[in-house]
């Protein structure tokens, strides 16, 4: 887990999230708590709101082609987000059912650092050896 700071086009930090990564391969049918995903947790709201597939995901390249971009996301609609960090981690397979289809930030301009700004949050640098 690490903190990720999103900046606007002027380099000003406008949002901080915790990024959660499970370095292990999937265990049995539990692919949600594995190295296939990076999760985004907003400390202010106390909620996991999004995730990005990593290059370890077996369909990563296919997802990039389908979403027409490199920076891939899934978000939870606001009405389906639940609070409670520990309970969310324990319930990731159930929570994962609420995520949207995979989309790319290049094609959609989402997710934004703040609703009133056009700046897009870029997923963590997945070319880092940690995610390979």
C-alpha atoms as a PDB file:
ATOM      1  CA  UNK A   1       0.000   0.000   0.000  1.00  0.00           C
ATOM      2  CA  UNK A   2       1.266   3.485  -0.799  1.00  0.00           C
ATOM      3  CA  UNK A   3      -0.086   6.993  -1.134  1.00  0.00           C
ATOM      4  CA  UNK A   4      -0.705   8.391  -4.595  1.00  0.00           C
ATOM      5  CA  UNK A   5      -1.059  12.129  -5.152  1.00  0.00           C
ATOM      6  CA  UNK A   6      -2.946  13.329  -8.219  1.00  0.00           C
ATOM      7  CA  UNK A   7      -2.019  16.727  -9.574  1.00  0.00           C
ATOM      8  CA  UNK A   8      -3.719  19.157 -11.866  1.00  0.00           C
ATOM      9  CA  UNK A   9      -2.047  20.449 -15.027  1.00  0.00           C
ATOM     10  CA  UNK A  10      -0.151  23.009 -12.933  1.00  0.00           C
ATOM     11  CA  UNK A  11       1.374  20.328 -10.715  1.00  0.00           C
ATOM     12  CA  UNK A  12      -0.739  21.216  -7.670  1.00  0.00           C
ATOM     13  CA  UNK A  13      -1.835  18.217  -5.588  1.00  0.00           C
ATOM     14  CA  UNK A  14      -5.625  18.104  -5.699  1.00  0.00           C
ATOM     15  CA  UNK A  15      -6.278  14.586  -4.454  1.00  0.00           C
ATOM     16  CA  UNK A  16      -4.575  11.857  -2.440  1.00  0.00           C
ATOM     17  CA  UNK A  17      -5.544   8.197  -2.485  1.00  0.00           C
ATOM     18  CA  UNK A  18      -4.085   5.029  -1.080  1.00  0.00           C
ATOM     19  CA  UNK A  19      -3.123   2.513  -3.740  1.00  0.00           C
ATOM     20  CA  UNK A  20      -3.414  -1.130  -2.698  1.00  0.00           C
ATOM     21  CA  UNK A  21      -1.566  -3.903  -4.491  1.00  0.00           C
ATOM     22  CA  UNK A  22      -1.551  -7.606  -3.658  1.00  0.00           C
ATOM     23  CA  UNK A  23       1.773  -9.044  -4.925  1.00  0.00           C
ATOM     24  CA  UNK A  24       0.552 -12.644  -4.841  1.00  0.00           C
ATOM     25  CA  UNK A  25      -0.829 -14.709  -7.719  1.00  0.00           C
ATOM     26  CA  UNK A  26      -4.556 -15.574  -7.516  1.00  0.00           C
ATOM     27  CA  UNK A  27      -5.392 -18.133  -4.857  1.00  0.00           C
ATOM     28  CA  UNK A  28      -7.966 -20.581  -6.146  1.00  0.00           C
ATOM     29  CA  UNK A  29     -10.872 -18.630  -7.587  1.00  0.00           C
ATOM     30  CA  UNK A  30      -9.998 -15.427  -5.702  1.00  0.00           C
ATOM     31  CA  UNK A  31      -8.536 -13.266  -8.456  1.00  0.00           C
ATOM     32  CA  UNK A  32      -9.683 -10.036  -6.791  1.00  0.00           C
ATOM     33  CA  UNK A  33      -7.027 -10.117  -4.042  1.00  0.00           C
ATOM     34  CA  UNK A  34      -4.171 -10.838  -6.419  1.00  0.00           C
ATOM     35  CA  UNK A  35      -1.488  -9.233  -8.550  1.00  0.00           C
ATOM     36  CA  UNK A  36      -4.057  -8.792 -11.319  1.00  0.00           C
ATOM     37  CA  UNK A  37      -5.326  -5.499  -9.786  1.00  0.00           C
ATOM     38  CA  UNK A  38      -4.326  -2.207  -8.175  1.00  0.00           C
ATOM     39  CA  UNK A  39      -7.093  -0.766  -5.959  1.00  0.00           C
ATOM     40  CA  UNK A  40      -7.782   2.896  -5.227  1.00  0.00           C
ATOM     41  CA  UNK A  41      -8.966   3.939  -1.756  1.00  0.00           C
ATOM     42  CA  UNK A  42     -10.016   7.503  -0.910  1.00  0.00           C
ATOM     43  CA  UNK A  43      -8.948   8.252   2.658  1.00  0.00           C
ATOM     44  CA  UNK A  44     -11.333  11.220   2.965  1.00  0.00           C
ATOM     45  CA  UNK A  45     -14.409   9.175   2.113  1.00  0.00           C
ATOM     46  CA  UNK A  46     -13.107   5.890   3.527  1.00  0.00           C
ATOM     47  CA  UNK A  47     -14.061   4.021   0.356  1.00  0.00           C
ATOM     48  CA  UNK A  48     -12.503   1.883  -2.354  1.00  0.00           C
ATOM     49  CA  UNK A  49     -13.731   3.536  -5.544  1.00  0.00           C
ATOM     50  CA  UNK A  50     -11.702   2.061  -8.393  1.00  0.00           C
ATOM     51  CA  UNK A  51      -9.163  -0.442  -9.610  1.00  0.00           C
ATOM     52  CA  UNK A  52      -6.767  -0.890 -12.527  1.00  0.00           C
ATOM     53  CA  UNK A  53      -5.784  -4.202 -14.111  1.00  0.00           C
ATOM     54  CA  UNK A  54      -2.035  -4.846 -14.115  1.00  0.00           C
ATOM     55  CA  UNK A  55       0.121  -6.526 -16.774  1.00  0.00           C
ATOM     56  CA  UNK A  56      -0.202  -9.709 -14.677  1.00  0.00           C
ATOM     57  CA  UNK A  57      -3.898  -9.883 -15.621  1.00  0.00           C
ATOM     58  CA  UNK A  58      -4.210 -12.632 -18.259  1.00  0.00           C
ATOM     59  CA  UNK A  59      -6.372 -10.421 -20.513  1.00  0.00           C
ATOM     60  CA  UNK A  60      -4.426  -7.192 -20.010  1.00  0.00           C
ATOM     61  CA  UNK A  61      -3.464  -6.664 -23.673  1.00  0.00           C
ATOM     62  CA  UNK A  62      -6.959  -7.604 -24.825  1.00  0.00           C
ATOM     63  CA  UNK A  63      -8.477  -5.140 -22.337  1.00  0.00           C
ATOM     64  CA  UNK A  64      -6.199  -2.389 -23.659  1.00  0.00           C
ATOM     65  CA  UNK A  65      -7.351  -3.093 -27.225  1.00  0.00           C
ATOM     66  CA  UNK A  66     -11.040  -3.191 -26.264  1.00  0.00           C
ATOM     67  CA  UNK A  67     -10.804  -0.005 -24.188  1.00  0.00           C
ATOM     68  CA  UNK A  68      -8.704   1.765 -26.842  1.00  0.00           C
ATOM     69  CA  UNK A  69      -5.989   2.893 -24.448  1.00  0.00           C
ATOM     70  CA  UNK A  70      -3.125   1.997 -22.175  1.00  0.00           C
ATOM     71  CA  UNK A  71      -4.352   3.451 -18.854  1.00  0.00           C
ATOM     72  CA  UNK A  72      -7.147   1.088 -17.805  1.00  0.00           C
ATOM     73  CA  UNK A  73      -9.746   1.543 -15.081  1.00  0.00           C
ATOM     74  CA  UNK A  74     -12.838   0.122 -13.461  1.00  0.00           C
ATOM     75  CA  UNK A  75     -14.826   2.304 -11.061  1.00  0.00           C
ATOM     76  CA  UNK A  76     -17.707   1.645  -8.717  1.00  0.00           C
ATOM     77  CA  UNK A  77     -20.821   3.763  -9.348  1.00  0.00           C
ATOM     78  CA  UNK A  78     -21.296   6.221  -6.463  1.00  0.00           C
ATOM     79  CA  UNK A  79     -24.537   4.573  -5.342  1.00  0.00           C
ATOM     80  CA  UNK A  80     -22.765   1.203  -4.926  1.00  0.00           C
ATOM     81  CA  UNK A  81     -19.667   2.352  -3.041  1.00  0.00           C
ATOM     82  CA  UNK A  82     -19.485   1.084   0.538  1.00  0.00           C
ATOM     83  CA  UNK A  83     -17.414   2.444   3.429  1.00  0.00           C
ATOM     84  CA  UNK A  84     -15.117   0.694   5.881  1.00  0.00           C
ATOM     85  CA  UNK A  85     -11.580  -0.050   4.732  1.00  0.00           C
ATOM     86  CA  UNK A  86     -11.079  -3.364   6.545  1.00  0.00           C
ATOM     87  CA  UNK A  87     -14.521  -4.679   5.635  1.00  0.00           C
ATOM     88  CA  UNK A  88     -13.980  -3.675   2.015  1.00  0.00           C
ATOM     89  CA  UNK A  89     -10.706  -5.590   1.827  1.00  0.00           C
ATOM     90  CA  UNK A  90     -12.343  -8.634   3.377  1.00  0.00           C
ATOM     91  CA  UNK A  91     -15.224  -8.401   0.901  1.00  0.00           C
ATOM     92  CA  UNK A  92     -13.282  -7.654  -2.313  1.00  0.00           C
ATOM     93  CA  UNK A  93     -14.785 -10.537  -4.341  1.00  0.00           C
ATOM     94  CA  UNK A  94     -18.273  -9.271  -3.464  1.00  0.00           C
ATOM     95  CA  UNK A  95     -17.281  -5.643  -3.970  1.00  0.00           C
ATOM     96  CA  UNK A  96     -15.724  -6.475  -7.351  1.00  0.00           C
ATOM     97  CA  UNK A  97     -19.185  -7.246  -8.760  1.00  0.00           C
ATOM     98  CA  UNK A  98     -19.959  -3.514  -8.524  1.00  0.00           C
ATOM     99  CA  UNK A  99     -17.105  -2.350 -10.735  1.00  0.00           C
ATOM    100  CA  UNK A 100     -17.863  -0.925 -14.160  1.00  0.00           C
ATOM    101  CA  UNK A 101     -16.603  -2.398 -17.392  1.00  0.00           C
ATOM    102  CA  UNK A 102     -12.929  -1.697 -18.065  1.00  0.00           C
ATOM    103  CA  UNK A 103     -12.348   1.628 -19.795  1.00  0.00           C
ATOM    104  CA  UNK A 104      -9.305   3.703 -20.673  1.00  0.00           C
ATOM    105  CA  UNK A 105      -8.633   7.208 -19.459  1.00  0.00           C
ATOM    106  CA  UNK A 106      -7.369   8.126 -22.933  1.00  0.00           C
ATOM    107  CA  UNK A 107     -10.707   7.265 -24.558  1.00  0.00           C
ATOM    108  CA  UNK A 108     -13.012   8.613 -21.835  1.00  0.00           C
ATOM    109  CA  UNK A 109     -11.184  11.405 -19.993  1.00  0.00           C
ATOM    110  CA  UNK A 110     -12.040   9.617 -16.741  1.00  0.00           C
ATOM    111  CA  UNK A 111     -11.489   9.318 -13.829  1.00  0.00           C
ATOM    112  CA  UNK A 112     -10.895  12.975 -13.100  1.00  0.00           C
ATOM    113  CA  UNK A 113      -8.805  14.270 -10.228  1.00  0.00           C
ATOM    114  CA  UNK A 114     -11.838  16.334  -9.207  1.00  0.00           C
ATOM    115  CA  UNK A 115     -15.239  16.657 -10.876  1.00  0.00           C
ATOM    116  CA  UNK A 116     -14.643  20.356 -11.610  1.00  0.00           C
ATOM    117  CA  UNK A 117     -11.281  19.752 -13.330  1.00  0.00           C
ATOM    118  CA  UNK A 118     -10.513  18.119 -16.667  1.00  0.00           C
ATOM    119  CA  UNK A 119      -7.272  16.578 -15.381  1.00  0.00           C
ATOM    120  CA  UNK A 120      -7.351  12.775 -15.391  1.00  0.00           C
ATOM    121  CA  UNK A 121      -5.899  10.490 -12.721  1.00  0.00           C
ATOM    122  CA  UNK A 122      -3.252   8.290 -14.278  1.00  0.00           C
ATOM    123  CA  UNK A 123      -3.002   4.795 -12.875  1.00  0.00           C
ATOM    124  CA  UNK A 124       0.275   3.914 -11.171  1.00  0.00           C
ATOM    125  CA  UNK A 125       3.245   3.371 -13.509  1.00  0.00           C
ATOM    126  CA  UNK A 126       2.563  -0.251 -14.415  1.00  0.00           C
ATOM    127  CA  UNK A 127       5.880  -0.453 -16.245  1.00  0.00           C
ATOM    128  CA  UNK A 128       7.485  -0.555 -12.784  1.00  0.00           C
ATOM    129  CA  UNK A 129       9.046  -3.971 -12.147  1.00  0.00           C
ATOM    130  CA  UNK A 130       6.784  -4.463  -9.107  1.00  0.00           C
ATOM    131  CA  UNK A 131       3.797  -4.951 -11.420  1.00  0.00           C
ATOM    132  CA  UNK A 132       5.502  -7.122 -14.057  1.00  0.00           C
END
